[in-house]
Amino acid sequence: MEHRTGTNPKSKGRGDSRTTRTTNPSLPSPSLEPAPITRWLAWAALIVILDQGTKYLASTLLTPHVPVAILPFLSFTLTYNPGAAFSFLSDAGGWQRWLFAGLSAGVSIVLIGWLRAIPRGRLLLPAALTLVLGGALGNLWDRLMQGAVVDFIDLHYRGWHFPTFNVADSAITVGAFLLFITLLAPGSDGSE
């Protein structure tokens, strides 16, 4: 909105012709202002709910280490992983539960802070961080409640098996891939 200060409309150009700009609070905020993080946290919560729901079904319906064939390359095989990805430190004696829980909690706090600082108009970066956050929180819940992460998705081909994983792991992987893209190509999500 623009108005002239000190100008009388009847004065036909006489008087002070300086203009000042005022902002209208009903207009959208500038694009450099951080976007509200509520919707991203809601998406992260949805990922946690989906992850925990599928883990509950797997724990209820499957027998540990007994594969249930879904497709020729996909089985559901219930496992409990007290370690990290690829069962790293899974036989370390229990202390790793708290190490990985602490790391997950710390990463989650950093991701929330990062989400809060992202300017409006960015989509790919907050989506990537939200996927990683939802996955980290889903696996953190398992570690805190059970001391191990519930895994059940078993991809395989002939005799080869990819390490068993879950929905949270999938969200983390896709989020990390998208994060890599946004960091490699800064304009990929509408910025710059």
Protein backbone atom coordinates (compact mmCIF):
# COMPACT_ATOMS: atom_id res chain seq x y z
CA MET A 1 0.00 0.00 0.00
CA GLU A 2 1.36 3.40 -0.90
CA HIS A 3 0.30 6.80 0.34
CA ARG A 4 1.73 10.27 -0.01
CA THR A 5 2.59 12.22 3.09
CA GLY A 6 1.78 15.90 3.29
CA THR A 7 -0.04 16.05 -0.05
CA ASN A 8 -3.49 17.50 -0.31
CA PRO A 9 -5.38 15.98 -3.24
CA LYS A 10 -6.89 19.43 -4.00
CA SER A 11 -3.48 21.12 -4.18
CA LYS A 12 -2.78 19.82 -7.70
CA GLY A 13 0.80 18.76 -7.20
CA ARG A 14 1.79 21.38 -4.64
CA GLY A 15 3.14 20.28 -1.28
CA ASP A 16 5.34 17.40 -0.14
CA SER A 17 5.52 14.69 -2.77
CA ARG A 18 7.55 12.17 -0.74
CA THR A 19 6.04 8.71 -0.63
CA THR A 20 6.28 6.12 2.10
CA ARG A 21 5.60 2.42 1.95
CA THR A 22 3.55 0.69 4.60
CA THR A 23 2.98 -3.01 4.88
CA ASN A 24 -0.37 -4.67 4.94
CA PRO A 25 -0.42 -7.40 7.61
CA SER A 26 -2.96 -9.41 5.60
CA LEU A 27 -0.48 -9.95 2.76
CA PRO A 28 1.81 -13.02 2.76
CA SER A 29 5.14 -12.68 4.53
CA PRO A 30 8.34 -12.20 2.54
CA SER A 31 9.84 -15.40 1.19
CA LEU A 32 12.95 -15.18 3.36
CA GLU A 33 10.90 -15.55 6.53
CA PRO A 34 10.91 -19.09 7.95
CA ALA A 35 7.89 -21.17 7.05
CA PRO A 36 5.70 -22.56 9.81
CA ILE A 37 6.99 -25.98 10.75
CA THR A 38 3.64 -27.32 11.92
CA ARG A 39 2.77 -29.01 8.65
CA TRP A 40 6.21 -30.64 8.41
CA LEU A 41 5.93 -31.95 11.97
CA ALA A 42 2.47 -33.30 11.11
CA TRP A 43 3.96 -35.20 8.16
CA ALA A 44 6.74 -36.54 10.40
CA ALA A 45 4.09 -37.68 12.90
CA LEU A 46 2.22 -39.43 10.08
CA ILE A 47 5.42 -41.28 9.13
CA VAL A 48 5.87 -42.38 12.75
CA ILE A 49 2.24 -43.58 12.91
CA LEU A 50 2.59 -45.50 9.64
CA ASP A 51 5.89 -46.99 10.79
CA GLN A 52 4.62 -48.00 14.22
CA GLY A 53 1.37 -49.36 12.77
CA THR A 54 3.18 -51.62 10.31
CA LYS A 55 5.61 -52.74 13.02
CA TYR A 56 2.68 -53.57 15.30
CA LEU A 57 1.07 -55.66 12.57
CA ALA A 58 4.36 -57.40 11.81
CA SER A 59 4.97 -58.16 15.50
CA THR A 60 1.42 -59.43 15.93
CA LEU A 61 1.01 -61.46 12.74
CA LEU A 62 4.51 -62.77 12.00
CA THR A 63 6.72 -65.31 13.72
CA PRO A 64 10.33 -64.16 14.17
CA HIS A 65 12.67 -65.33 11.40
CA VAL A 66 9.90 -67.17 9.48
CA PRO A 67 9.51 -65.57 6.03
CA VAL A 68 6.07 -65.00 4.55
CA ALA A 69 6.34 -64.69 0.76
CA ILE A 70 4.50 -61.69 -0.68
CA LEU A 71 6.10 -61.49 -4.14
CA PRO A 72 8.91 -63.51 -5.74
CA PHE A 73 11.41 -60.88 -4.52
CA LEU A 74 9.64 -59.70 -1.34
CA SER A 75 8.93 -61.45 1.94
CA PHE A 76 7.89 -60.26 5.36
CA THR A 77 10.33 -61.66 7.91
CA LEU A 78 10.11 -60.39 11.49
CA THR A 79 13.44 -59.55 13.12
CA TYR A 80 14.51 -57.43 16.08
CA ASN A 81 17.67 -55.41 15.51
CA PRO A 82 19.35 -54.00 18.64
CA GLY A 83 22.07 -52.46 16.47
CA ALA A 84 22.10 -49.89 13.71
CA ALA A 85 21.74 -50.28 9.95
CA PHE A 86 22.93 -53.63 8.62
CA SER A 87 22.88 -54.91 12.24
CA PHE A 88 25.95 -52.85 13.11
CA LEU A 89 26.80 -53.46 16.81
CA SER A 90 23.79 -55.75 17.21
CA ASP A 91 25.73 -58.09 19.51
CA ALA A 92 27.43 -55.39 21.61
CA GLY A 93 25.76 -56.32 24.88
CA GLY A 94 23.05 -53.67 25.31
CA TRP A 95 24.94 -50.39 25.67
CA GLN A 96 24.35 -49.65 21.98
CA ARG A 97 20.62 -49.20 22.69
CA TRP A 98 21.35 -45.96 24.55
CA LEU A 99 24.04 -44.84 22.12
CA PHE A 100 21.71 -45.14 19.11
CA ALA A 101 18.76 -43.72 21.06
CA GLY A 102 20.87 -40.69 22.00
CA LEU A 103 22.08 -40.26 18.43
CA SER A 104 18.50 -40.50 17.11
CA ALA A 105 17.27 -37.95 19.66
CA GLY A 106 20.14 -35.58 18.88
CA VAL A 107 19.65 -35.85 15.13
CA SER A 108 15.91 -35.25 15.59
CA ILE A 109 16.56 -32.05 17.55
CA VAL A 110 18.97 -30.81 14.86
CA LEU A 111 16.46 -31.63 12.10
CA ILE A 112 13.67 -29.74 13.88
CA GLY A 113 15.95 -26.72 14.25
CA TRP A 114 16.90 -26.94 10.58
CA LEU A 115 13.23 -27.20 9.57
CA ARG A 116 12.43 -24.07 11.59
CA ALA A 117 15.11 -22.08 9.73
CA ILE A 118 14.13 -22.99 6.16
CA PRO A 119 12.69 -20.01 4.24
CA ARG A 120 9.19 -20.14 2.82
CA GLY A 121 8.86 -21.46 -0.71
CA ARG A 122 11.26 -24.36 -0.28
CA LEU A 123 9.65 -27.77 -0.65
CA LEU A 124 12.24 -30.42 -1.41
CA LEU A 125 14.58 -29.62 1.50
CA PRO A 126 11.89 -29.62 4.21
CA ALA A 127 10.33 -32.74 2.68
CA ALA A 128 13.71 -34.49 2.83
CA LEU A 129 14.31 -33.44 6.44
CA THR A 130 10.77 -34.47 7.40
CA LEU A 131 11.25 -37.97 5.99
CA VAL A 132 14.51 -38.39 7.90
CA LEU A 133 12.93 -36.96 11.07
CA GLY A 134 9.89 -39.25 10.89
CA GLY A 135 12.09 -42.28 10.32
CA ALA A 136 14.50 -41.36 13.11
CA LEU A 137 11.63 -40.88 15.56
CA GLY A 138 9.99 -44.17 14.52
CA ASN A 139 13.17 -46.13 15.19
CA LEU A 140 13.87 -44.11 18.36
CA TRP A 141 10.50 -45.19 19.73
CA ASP A 142 11.42 -48.85 19.16
CA ARG A 143 14.78 -48.46 20.88
CA LEU A 144 13.26 -46.76 23.91
CA MET A 145 10.28 -49.12 24.26
CA GLN A 146 11.80 -52.47 23.23
CA GLY A 147 15.56 -52.06 23.14
CA ALA A 148 15.60 -53.08 19.47
CA VAL A 149 14.18 -51.91 16.16
CA VAL A 150 11.46 -54.03 14.56
CA ASP A 151 12.38 -54.92 10.96
CA PHE A 152 10.23 -57.00 8.63
CA ILE A 153 10.63 -56.01 4.96
CA ASP A 154 12.86 -58.58 3.29
CA LEU A 155 13.93 -57.94 -0.32
CA HIS A 156 15.71 -60.84 -1.98
CA TYR A 157 16.73 -62.32 -5.29
CA ARG A 158 17.55 -65.99 -5.58
CA GLY A 159 19.83 -66.63 -2.59
CA TRP A 160 20.75 -62.99 -1.94
CA HIS A 161 18.91 -60.98 0.76
CA PHE A 162 19.09 -57.26 1.36
CA PRO A 163 19.21 -56.52 5.12
CA THR A 164 15.69 -56.56 6.56
CA PHE A 165 14.27 -53.07 7.11
CA ASN A 166 11.08 -51.17 7.98
CA VAL A 167 9.02 -48.12 6.98
CA ALA A 168 11.18 -45.79 9.12
CA ASP A 169 14.33 -47.02 7.38
CA SER A 170 12.66 -46.42 4.01
CA ALA A 171 11.72 -42.86 5.00
CA ILE A 172 15.27 -42.18 6.18
CA THR A 173 16.73 -43.55 2.93
CA VAL A 174 14.40 -41.57 0.65
CA GLY A 175 14.89 -38.45 2.78
CA ALA A 176 18.68 -38.79 2.68
CA PHE A 177 18.55 -39.20 -1.11
CA LEU A 178 16.38 -36.06 -1.47
CA LEU A 179 18.66 -34.18 0.92
CA PHE A 180 21.65 -35.16 -1.21
CA ILE A 181 19.86 -33.83 -4.30
CA THR A 182 19.02 -30.50 -2.65
CA LEU A 183 22.56 -30.04 -1.38
CA LEU A 184 24.07 -31.06 -4.71
CA ALA A 185 21.73 -28.90 -6.80
CA PRO A 186 20.73 -25.91 -4.62
CA GLY A 187 18.06 -24.64 -7.05
CA SER A 188 16.30 -28.00 -7.27
CA ASP A 189 13.45 -27.05 -4.95
CA GLY A 190 12.73 -23.55 -6.18
CA SER A 191 15.40 -21.66 -4.29
CA GLU A 192 18.00 -19.39 -5.85
